[in-house]
Amino acid sequence: MSKTITLSGTKNGVISITKIDKPYGEDSGPVASVGISLAGDVSDPEWKVHIPLENLDEVIQALQDLKGSAEKN
């Protein structure tokens, strides 16, 4: 599964989201890889983070909380 989202406020930027099953070898668990490329290069983002799928619900909740507090301002 992968998805590409246009990065707001840029000309060509994208956010890419991909599931990687074993990013660090056989003993590692699956992660959501979130990359940001200002140049629009999905295959070589300037920034990326790997979030273990076990932490995804909590990270999503934190992002939703952040969005909710920003909308109140």
Foldseek 3Di string as FASTA:
>chain_A
DKDWDADPPADQKIWIWDKDAAPPDDPDGIWIKIAIASNNPPVDGPDIDTHHPVCVVVVVVVVVVVVVVVVVD
